[in-house]
Amino acid sequence: MDILERLSESLRIGDPEGVARLTKEAIEAGCEPQIILNHGLIAGMTIIGDKFRTHEIFLPDVLLAAKAMYAGMDVLRPILLRDDIPTLGKVVIGTVQGDLHDIGKNLVGIMLKGAGFEVIDLGHDVSPERFVGEAQRIGAAIIGMSALLTTTMQNMSKVIDLAQQRGLRPQTKIVIGGAPVSSDYARQIGADAYCFDCISAVDCAKRLVGV
């Protein structure tokens, strides 16, 4: 088993110390940072995502793997930044204004990072101005919004309207998710897609950026 396979395996079992150590070893062995990212860290998180999709593992396993992935990224990030290694795209995510629920949104952020996206998590109770302003500031490819309440999901359309007014549409894609929303609601408010869980969010994001 080569070092990248061992790195992927350490990530899958949720071993942050092992992932950090193997990432350092891969760098010292002369592996390209992009190869370490794609064939070590992202490869491991892809397997985790597939197993979560088929219910072979559950949320605690995903969170352990994510913690391990972050340990590897802490080692790798300075090199990626130095070498200006591109990500799949920048994604701004948050829970809409008035809504304080963020467990699902957090899991989506973890999986998007694990897939190779740069994720800017604005947290919960995020205003339309903050969603759109941050997307403008960083040149986001995607805005992702979640809501758990029928009373707050209405704020999703306000973000879309403001993005349209500011000239971000259609180049900046908008994705929604959360218990009360649906694909029909996404079409109704002019969103580009509805995602029903964190795995579909990754698949959707890749499709929207042409991966």
C-alpha atoms as a PDB file:
ATOM      1  CA  MET A   1       0.000   0.000   0.000  1.00  0.00           C
ATOM      2  CA  ASP A   2       1.546   3.312  -1.059  1.00  0.00           C
ATOM      3  CA  ILE A   3       1.569   6.444   1.064  1.00  0.00           C
ATOM      4  CA  LEU A   4      -1.498   7.998  -0.576  1.00  0.00           C
ATOM      5  CA  GLU A   5      -3.529   4.834  -0.031  1.00  0.00           C
ATOM      6  CA  ARG A   6      -2.443   4.817   3.618  1.00  0.00           C
ATOM      7  CA  LEU A   7      -3.367   8.497   3.859  1.00  0.00           C
ATOM      8  CA  SER A   8      -6.824   7.798   2.446  1.00  0.00           C
ATOM      9  CA  GLU A   9      -7.304   4.878   4.814  1.00  0.00           C
ATOM     10  CA  SER A  10      -6.234   6.928   7.860  1.00  0.00           C
ATOM     11  CA  LEU A  11      -8.758   9.582   6.895  1.00  0.00           C
ATOM     12  CA  ARG A  12     -11.537   7.006   6.516  1.00  0.00           C
ATOM     13  CA  ILE A  13     -10.962   5.598   9.985  1.00  0.00           C
ATOM     14  CA  GLY A  14     -10.893   9.105  11.474  1.00  0.00           C
ATOM     15  CA  ASP A  15      -7.253   9.281  12.566  1.00  0.00           C
ATOM     16  CA  PRO A  16      -6.230  12.983  12.479  1.00  0.00           C
ATOM     17  CA  GLU A  17      -2.727  12.370  13.854  1.00  0.00           C
ATOM     18  CA  GLY A  18      -2.090   9.691  11.247  1.00  0.00           C
ATOM     19  CA  VAL A  19      -3.451  11.877   8.453  1.00  0.00           C
ATOM     20  CA  ALA A  20      -1.271  14.833   9.473  1.00  0.00           C
ATOM     21  CA  ARG A  21       1.810  12.605   9.716  1.00  0.00           C
ATOM     22  CA  LEU A  22       1.205  10.877   6.382  1.00  0.00           C
ATOM     23  CA  THR A  23       0.513  14.207   4.658  1.00  0.00           C
ATOM     24  CA  LYS A  24       3.895  15.458   5.881  1.00  0.00           C
ATOM     25  CA  GLU A  25       5.544  12.229   4.745  1.00  0.00           C
ATOM     26  CA  ALA A  26       3.977  12.541   1.299  1.00  0.00           C
ATOM     27  CA  ILE A  27       5.264  16.117   0.984  1.00  0.00           C
ATOM     28  CA  GLU A  28       8.747  15.070   2.098  1.00  0.00           C
ATOM     29  CA  ALA A  29       8.673  12.199  -0.398  1.00  0.00           C
ATOM     30  CA  GLY A  30       8.157  14.727  -3.199  1.00  0.00           C
ATOM     31  CA  CYS A  31       4.475  14.130  -3.960  1.00  0.00           C
ATOM     32  CA  GLU A  32       2.812  17.039  -5.730  1.00  0.00           C
ATOM     33  CA  PRO A  33       0.376  18.892  -3.426  1.00  0.00           C
ATOM     34  CA  GLN A  34      -2.466  18.483  -5.921  1.00  0.00           C
ATOM     35  CA  ILE A  35      -1.827  14.713  -6.034  1.00  0.00           C
ATOM     36  CA  ILE A  36      -1.870  14.501  -2.240  1.00  0.00           C
ATOM     37  CA  LEU A  37      -5.117  16.469  -2.165  1.00  0.00           C
ATOM     38  CA  ASN A  38      -6.872  14.525  -4.932  1.00  0.00           C
ATOM     39  CA  HIS A  39      -5.576  10.993  -4.396  1.00  0.00           C
ATOM     40  CA  GLY A  40      -5.202  11.103  -0.629  1.00  0.00           C
ATOM     41  CA  LEU A  41      -7.591  13.448   1.143  1.00  0.00           C
ATOM     42  CA  ILE A  42     -10.358  13.868  -1.429  1.00  0.00           C
ATOM     43  CA  ALA A  43     -10.198  10.183  -2.376  1.00  0.00           C
ATOM     44  CA  GLY A  44     -10.771   9.271   1.265  1.00  0.00           C
ATOM     45  CA  MET A  45     -13.688  11.671   1.690  1.00  0.00           C
ATOM     46  CA  THR A  46     -15.247  10.432  -1.553  1.00  0.00           C
ATOM     47  CA  ILE A  47     -15.336   6.903  -0.152  1.00  0.00           C
ATOM     48  CA  ILE A  48     -16.799   8.251   3.089  1.00  0.00           C
ATOM     49  CA  GLY A  49     -19.492  10.040   1.085  1.00  0.00           C
ATOM     50  CA  ASP A  50     -20.315   6.898  -0.888  1.00  0.00           C
ATOM     51  CA  LYS A  51     -20.602   4.820   2.286  1.00  0.00           C
ATOM     52  CA  PHE A  52     -22.764   7.465   3.948  1.00  0.00           C
ATOM     53  CA  ARG A  53     -25.015   7.486   0.882  1.00  0.00           C
ATOM     54  CA  THR A  54     -25.527   3.713   1.130  1.00  0.00           C
ATOM     55  CA  HIS A  55     -25.941   3.792   4.938  1.00  0.00           C
ATOM     56  CA  GLU A  56     -22.805   1.726   5.561  1.00  0.00           C
ATOM     57  CA  ILE A  57     -21.635   4.467   7.933  1.00  0.00           C
ATOM     58  CA  PHE A  58     -23.421   7.215   9.837  1.00  0.00           C
ATOM     59  CA  LEU A  59     -23.014  10.869  10.800  1.00  0.00           C
ATOM     60  CA  PRO A  60     -20.475  10.313  13.645  1.00  0.00           C
ATOM     61  CA  ASP A  61     -18.222   8.447  11.196  1.00  0.00           C
ATOM     62  CA  VAL A  62     -18.449  11.316   8.707  1.00  0.00           C
ATOM     63  CA  LEU A  63     -17.557  13.850  11.395  1.00  0.00           C
ATOM     64  CA  LEU A  64     -14.533  11.795  12.493  1.00  0.00           C
ATOM     65  CA  ALA A  65     -13.336  11.564   8.903  1.00  0.00           C
ATOM     66  CA  ALA A  66     -13.870  15.301   8.467  1.00  0.00           C
ATOM     67  CA  LYS A  67     -11.751  16.031  11.541  1.00  0.00           C
ATOM     68  CA  ALA A  68      -9.004  13.893  10.054  1.00  0.00           C
ATOM     69  CA  MET A  69      -9.321  15.644   6.690  1.00  0.00           C
ATOM     70  CA  TYR A  70      -8.933  19.038   8.358  1.00  0.00           C
ATOM     71  CA  ALA A  71      -5.738  17.811  10.038  1.00  0.00           C
ATOM     72  CA  GLY A  72      -4.309  16.967   6.630  1.00  0.00           C
ATOM     73  CA  MET A  73      -5.504  20.234   5.118  1.00  0.00           C
ATOM     74  CA  ASP A  74      -3.801  22.183   7.922  1.00  0.00           C
ATOM     75  CA  VAL A  75      -0.522  20.685   6.721  1.00  0.00           C
ATOM     76  CA  LEU A  76      -1.254  20.984   3.011  1.00  0.00           C
ATOM     77  CA  ARG A  77      -3.015  24.375   2.847  1.00  0.00           C
ATOM     78  CA  PRO A  78       0.102  26.606   3.077  1.00  0.00           C
ATOM     79  CA  ILE A  79       1.647  24.758   0.136  1.00  0.00           C
ATOM     80  CA  LEU A  80      -1.541  24.902  -1.917  1.00  0.00           C
ATOM     81  CA  LEU A  81      -1.772  28.643  -1.295  1.00  0.00           C
ATOM     82  CA  ARG A  82       1.901  29.165  -2.094  1.00  0.00           C
ATOM     83  CA  ASP A  83       1.596  27.261  -5.354  1.00  0.00           C
ATOM     84  CA  ASP A  84      -1.802  28.844  -6.151  1.00  0.00           C
ATOM     85  CA  ILE A  85      -3.425  25.428  -6.645  1.00  0.00           C
ATOM     86  CA  PRO A  86      -6.991  25.968  -7.897  1.00  0.00           C
ATOM     87  CA  THR A  87     -10.040  24.553  -6.128  1.00  0.00           C
ATOM     88  CA  LEU A  88     -13.176  23.321  -7.873  1.00  0.00           C
ATOM     89  CA  GLY A  89     -14.727  26.678  -7.043  1.00  0.00           C
ATOM     90  CA  LYS A  90     -15.762  28.955  -4.206  1.00  0.00           C
ATOM     91  CA  VAL A  91     -19.037  28.242  -2.441  1.00  0.00           C
ATOM     92  CA  VAL A  92     -20.752  30.573   0.034  1.00  0.00           C
ATOM     93  CA  ILE A  93     -23.096  28.701   2.358  1.00  0.00           C
ATOM     94  CA  GLY A  94     -25.339  29.657   5.243  1.00  0.00           C
ATOM     95  CA  THR A  95     -28.704  29.256   6.928  1.00  0.00           C
ATOM     96  CA  VAL A  96     -31.124  31.975   5.896  1.00  0.00           C
ATOM     97  CA  GLN A  97     -32.127  34.959   7.993  1.00  0.00           C
ATOM     98  CA  GLY A  98     -34.309  34.107  10.979  1.00  0.00           C
ATOM     99  CA  ASP A  99     -33.243  30.442  11.051  1.00  0.00           C
ATOM    100  CA  LEU A 100     -30.786  29.179  13.660  1.00  0.00           C
ATOM    101  CA  HIS A 101     -30.548  25.527  12.545  1.00  0.00           C
ATOM    102  CA  ASP A 102     -27.240  24.605  10.979  1.00  0.00           C
ATOM    103  CA  ILE A 103     -26.422  20.903  11.478  1.00  0.00           C
ATOM    104  CA  GLY A 104     -27.380  19.978   7.917  1.00  0.00           C
ATOM    105  CA  LYS A 105     -25.635  23.036   6.510  1.00  0.00           C
ATOM    106  CA  ASN A 106     -22.488  22.176   8.456  1.00  0.00           C
ATOM    107  CA  LEU A 107     -22.459  18.666   7.038  1.00  0.00           C
ATOM    108  CA  VAL A 108     -22.846  20.030   3.507  1.00  0.00           C
ATOM    109  CA  GLY A 109     -19.856  22.303   4.129  1.00  0.00           C
ATOM    110  CA  ILE A 110     -17.759  19.373   5.330  1.00  0.00           C
ATOM    111  CA  MET A 111     -18.557  17.291   2.263  1.00  0.00           C
ATOM    112  CA  LEU A 112     -17.994  20.179  -0.159  1.00  0.00           C
ATOM    113  CA  LYS A 113     -14.564  20.829   1.366  1.00  0.00           C
ATOM    114  CA  GLY A 114     -13.817  17.139   1.150  1.00  0.00           C
ATOM    115  CA  ALA A 115     -14.712  17.212  -2.549  1.00  0.00           C
ATOM    116  CA  GLY A 116     -12.246  20.020  -3.269  1.00  0.00           C
ATOM    117  CA  PHE A 117     -14.347  23.172  -3.051  1.00  0.00           C
ATOM    118  CA  GLU A 118     -13.344  26.283  -1.130  1.00  0.00           C
ATOM    119  CA  VAL A 119     -16.199  26.820   1.316  1.00  0.00           C
ATOM    120  CA  ILE A 120     -17.018  30.107   3.030  1.00  0.00           C
ATOM    121  CA  ASP A 121     -19.507  29.293   5.791  1.00  0.00           C
ATOM    122  CA  LEU A 122     -21.435  32.371   6.915  1.00  0.00           C
ATOM    123  CA  GLY A 123     -23.160  30.475   9.736  1.00  0.00           C
ATOM    124  CA  HIS A 124     -26.843  30.878  10.586  1.00  0.00           C
ATOM    125  CA  ASP A 125     -29.328  33.766  10.495  1.00  0.00           C
ATOM    126  CA  VAL A 126     -27.628  35.162   7.385  1.00  0.00           C
ATOM    127  CA  SER A 127     -29.181  38.199   5.706  1.00  0.00           C
ATOM    128  CA  PRO A 128     -29.625  38.449   1.928  1.00  0.00           C
ATOM    129  CA  GLU A 129     -27.151  41.344   1.902  1.00  0.00           C
ATOM    130  CA  ARG A 130     -24.496  39.205   3.554  1.00  0.00           C
ATOM    131  CA  PHE A 131     -25.028  36.229   1.235  1.00  0.00           C
ATOM    132  CA  VAL A 132     -24.818  38.367  -1.874  1.00  0.00           C
ATOM    133  CA  GLY A 133     -22.126  40.723  -0.603  1.00  0.00           C
ATOM    134  CA  GLU A 134     -19.789  37.870   0.294  1.00  0.00           C
ATOM    135  CA  ALA A 135     -20.448  36.111  -3.007  1.00  0.00           C
ATOM    136  CA  GLN A 136     -19.566  39.344  -4.839  1.00  0.00           C
ATOM    137  CA  ARG A 137     -16.461  39.917  -2.736  1.00  0.00           C
ATOM    138  CA  ILE A 138     -14.888  36.522  -3.389  1.00  0.00           C
ATOM    139  CA  GLY A 139     -16.344  35.767  -6.811  1.00  0.00           C
ATOM    140  CA  ALA A 140     -18.296  32.725  -5.626  1.00  0.00           C
ATOM    141  CA  ALA A 141     -19.397  30.147  -8.167  1.00  0.00           C
ATOM    142  CA  ILE A 142     -22.248  28.985  -5.933  1.00  0.00           C
ATOM    143  CA  ILE A 143     -24.424  30.323  -3.130  1.00  0.00           C
ATOM    144  CA  GLY A 144     -25.914  27.566  -0.979  1.00  0.00           C
ATOM    145  CA  MET A 145     -28.814  28.305   1.383  1.00  0.00           C
ATOM    146  CA  SER A 146     -30.581  26.116   3.930  1.00  0.00           C
ATOM    147  CA  ALA A 147     -33.749  26.554   5.980  1.00  0.00           C
ATOM    148  CA  LEU A 148     -35.569  24.319   8.435  1.00  0.00           C
ATOM    149  CA  LEU A 149     -38.661  26.456   8.977  1.00  0.00           C
ATOM    150  CA  THR A 150     -41.458  27.312   6.572  1.00  0.00           C
ATOM    151  CA  THR A 151     -41.417  30.832   8.002  1.00  0.00           C
ATOM    152  CA  THR A 152     -37.756  31.383   7.063  1.00  0.00           C
ATOM    153  CA  MET A 153     -37.619  29.594   3.714  1.00  0.00           C
ATOM    154  CA  GLN A 154     -39.296  32.660   2.185  1.00  0.00           C
ATOM    155  CA  ASN A 155     -36.023  34.536   2.701  1.00  0.00           C
ATOM    156  CA  MET A 156     -34.381  32.358   0.046  1.00  0.00           C
ATOM    157  CA  SER A 157     -36.205  34.235  -2.701  1.00  0.00           C
ATOM    158  CA  LYS A 158     -34.942  37.523  -1.260  1.00  0.00           C
ATOM    159  CA  VAL A 159     -31.360  36.345  -1.739  1.00  0.00           C
ATOM    160  CA  ILE A 160     -32.084  35.336  -5.319  1.00  0.00           C
ATOM    161  CA  ASP A 161     -33.793  38.658  -6.069  1.00  0.00           C
ATOM    162  CA  LEU A 162     -30.868  40.619  -4.611  1.00  0.00           C
ATOM    163  CA  ALA A 163     -28.346  38.514  -6.528  1.00  0.00           C
ATOM    164  CA  GLN A 164     -30.263  39.336  -9.689  1.00  0.00           C
ATOM    165  CA  GLN A 165     -30.281  43.046  -8.853  1.00  0.00           C
ATOM    166  CA  ARG A 166     -26.535  43.039  -8.184  1.00  0.00           C
ATOM    167  CA  GLY A 167     -25.747  41.350 -11.512  1.00  0.00           C
ATOM    168  CA  LEU A 168     -24.602  38.010 -10.080  1.00  0.00           C
ATOM    169  CA  ARG A 169     -27.088  35.946 -12.050  1.00  0.00           C
ATOM    170  CA  PRO A 170     -26.905  33.681 -13.936  1.00  0.00           C
ATOM    171  CA  GLN A 171     -23.157  33.154 -13.550  1.00  0.00           C
ATOM    172  CA  THR A 172     -23.404  32.598  -9.788  1.00  0.00           C
ATOM    173  CA  LYS A 173     -25.479  29.480  -9.237  1.00  0.00           C
ATOM    174  CA  ILE A 174     -27.883  29.244  -6.303  1.00  0.00           C
ATOM    175  CA  VAL A 175     -28.676  25.993  -4.521  1.00  0.00           C
ATOM    176  CA  ILE A 176     -31.195  25.463  -1.724  1.00  0.00           C
ATOM    177  CA  GLY A 177     -31.852  22.713   0.798  1.00  0.00           C
ATOM    178  CA  GLY A 178     -33.553  21.934   4.080  1.00  0.00           C
ATOM    179  CA  ALA A 179     -36.564  20.062   5.389  1.00  0.00           C
ATOM    180  CA  PRO A 180     -39.395  22.330   4.159  1.00  0.00           C
ATOM    181  CA  VAL A 181     -38.028  23.026   0.659  1.00  0.00           C
ATOM    182  CA  SER A 182     -38.317  20.959  -2.505  1.00  0.00           C
ATOM    183  CA  SER A 183     -37.338  20.874  -6.144  1.00  0.00           C
ATOM    184  CA  ASP A 184     -40.698  22.490  -6.971  1.00  0.00           C
ATOM    185  CA  TYR A 185     -39.958  25.336  -4.569  1.00  0.00           C
ATOM    186  CA  ALA A 186     -36.494  25.754  -6.096  1.00  0.00           C
ATOM    187  CA  ARG A 187     -38.084  26.191  -9.526  1.00  0.00           C
ATOM    188  CA  GLN A 188     -40.704  28.531  -8.112  1.00  0.00           C
ATOM    189  CA  ILE A 189     -38.175  30.990  -6.669  1.00  0.00           C
ATOM    190  CA  GLY A 190     -35.649  30.685  -9.493  1.00  0.00           C
ATOM    191  CA  ALA A 191     -32.931  28.669  -7.753  1.00  0.00           C
ATOM    192  CA  ASP A 192     -30.681  26.533  -9.933  1.00  0.00           C
ATOM    193  CA  ALA A 193     -31.075  23.370  -7.888  1.00  0.00           C
ATOM    194  CA  TYR A 194     -32.506  21.705  -4.789  1.00  0.00           C
ATOM    195  CA  CYS A 195     -30.350  19.280  -2.793  1.00  0.00           C
ATOM    196  CA  PHE A 196     -31.959  16.849  -0.373  1.00  0.00           C
ATOM    197  CA  ASP A 197     -28.807  15.857   1.549  1.00  0.00           C
ATOM    198  CA  CYS A 198     -25.067  16.490   1.786  1.00  0.00           C
ATOM    199  CA  ILE A 199     -24.184  13.890  -0.851  1.00  0.00           C
ATOM    200  CA  SER A 200     -26.585  15.287  -3.420  1.00  0.00           C
ATOM    201  CA  ALA A 201     -25.174  18.753  -2.618  1.00  0.00           C
ATOM    202  CA  VAL A 202     -21.698  17.639  -3.658  1.00  0.00           C
ATOM    203  CA  ASP A 203     -22.994  16.008  -6.846  1.00  0.00           C
ATOM    204  CA  CYS A 204     -25.012  19.121  -7.638  1.00  0.00           C
ATOM    205  CA  ALA A 205     -22.134  21.511  -6.996  1.00  0.00           C
ATOM    206  CA  LYS A 206     -19.828  19.529  -9.264  1.00  0.00           C
ATOM    207  CA  ARG A 207     -22.419  19.524 -12.014  1.00  0.00           C
ATOM    208  CA  LEU A 208     -22.995  23.263 -11.718  1.00  0.00           C
ATOM    209  CA  VAL A 209     -19.278  24.051 -12.071  1.00  0.00           C
ATOM    210  CA  GLY A 210     -18.888  21.561 -14.917  1.00  0.00           C
ATOM    211  CA  VAL A 211     -16.875  18.849 -13.171  1.00  0.00           C
END
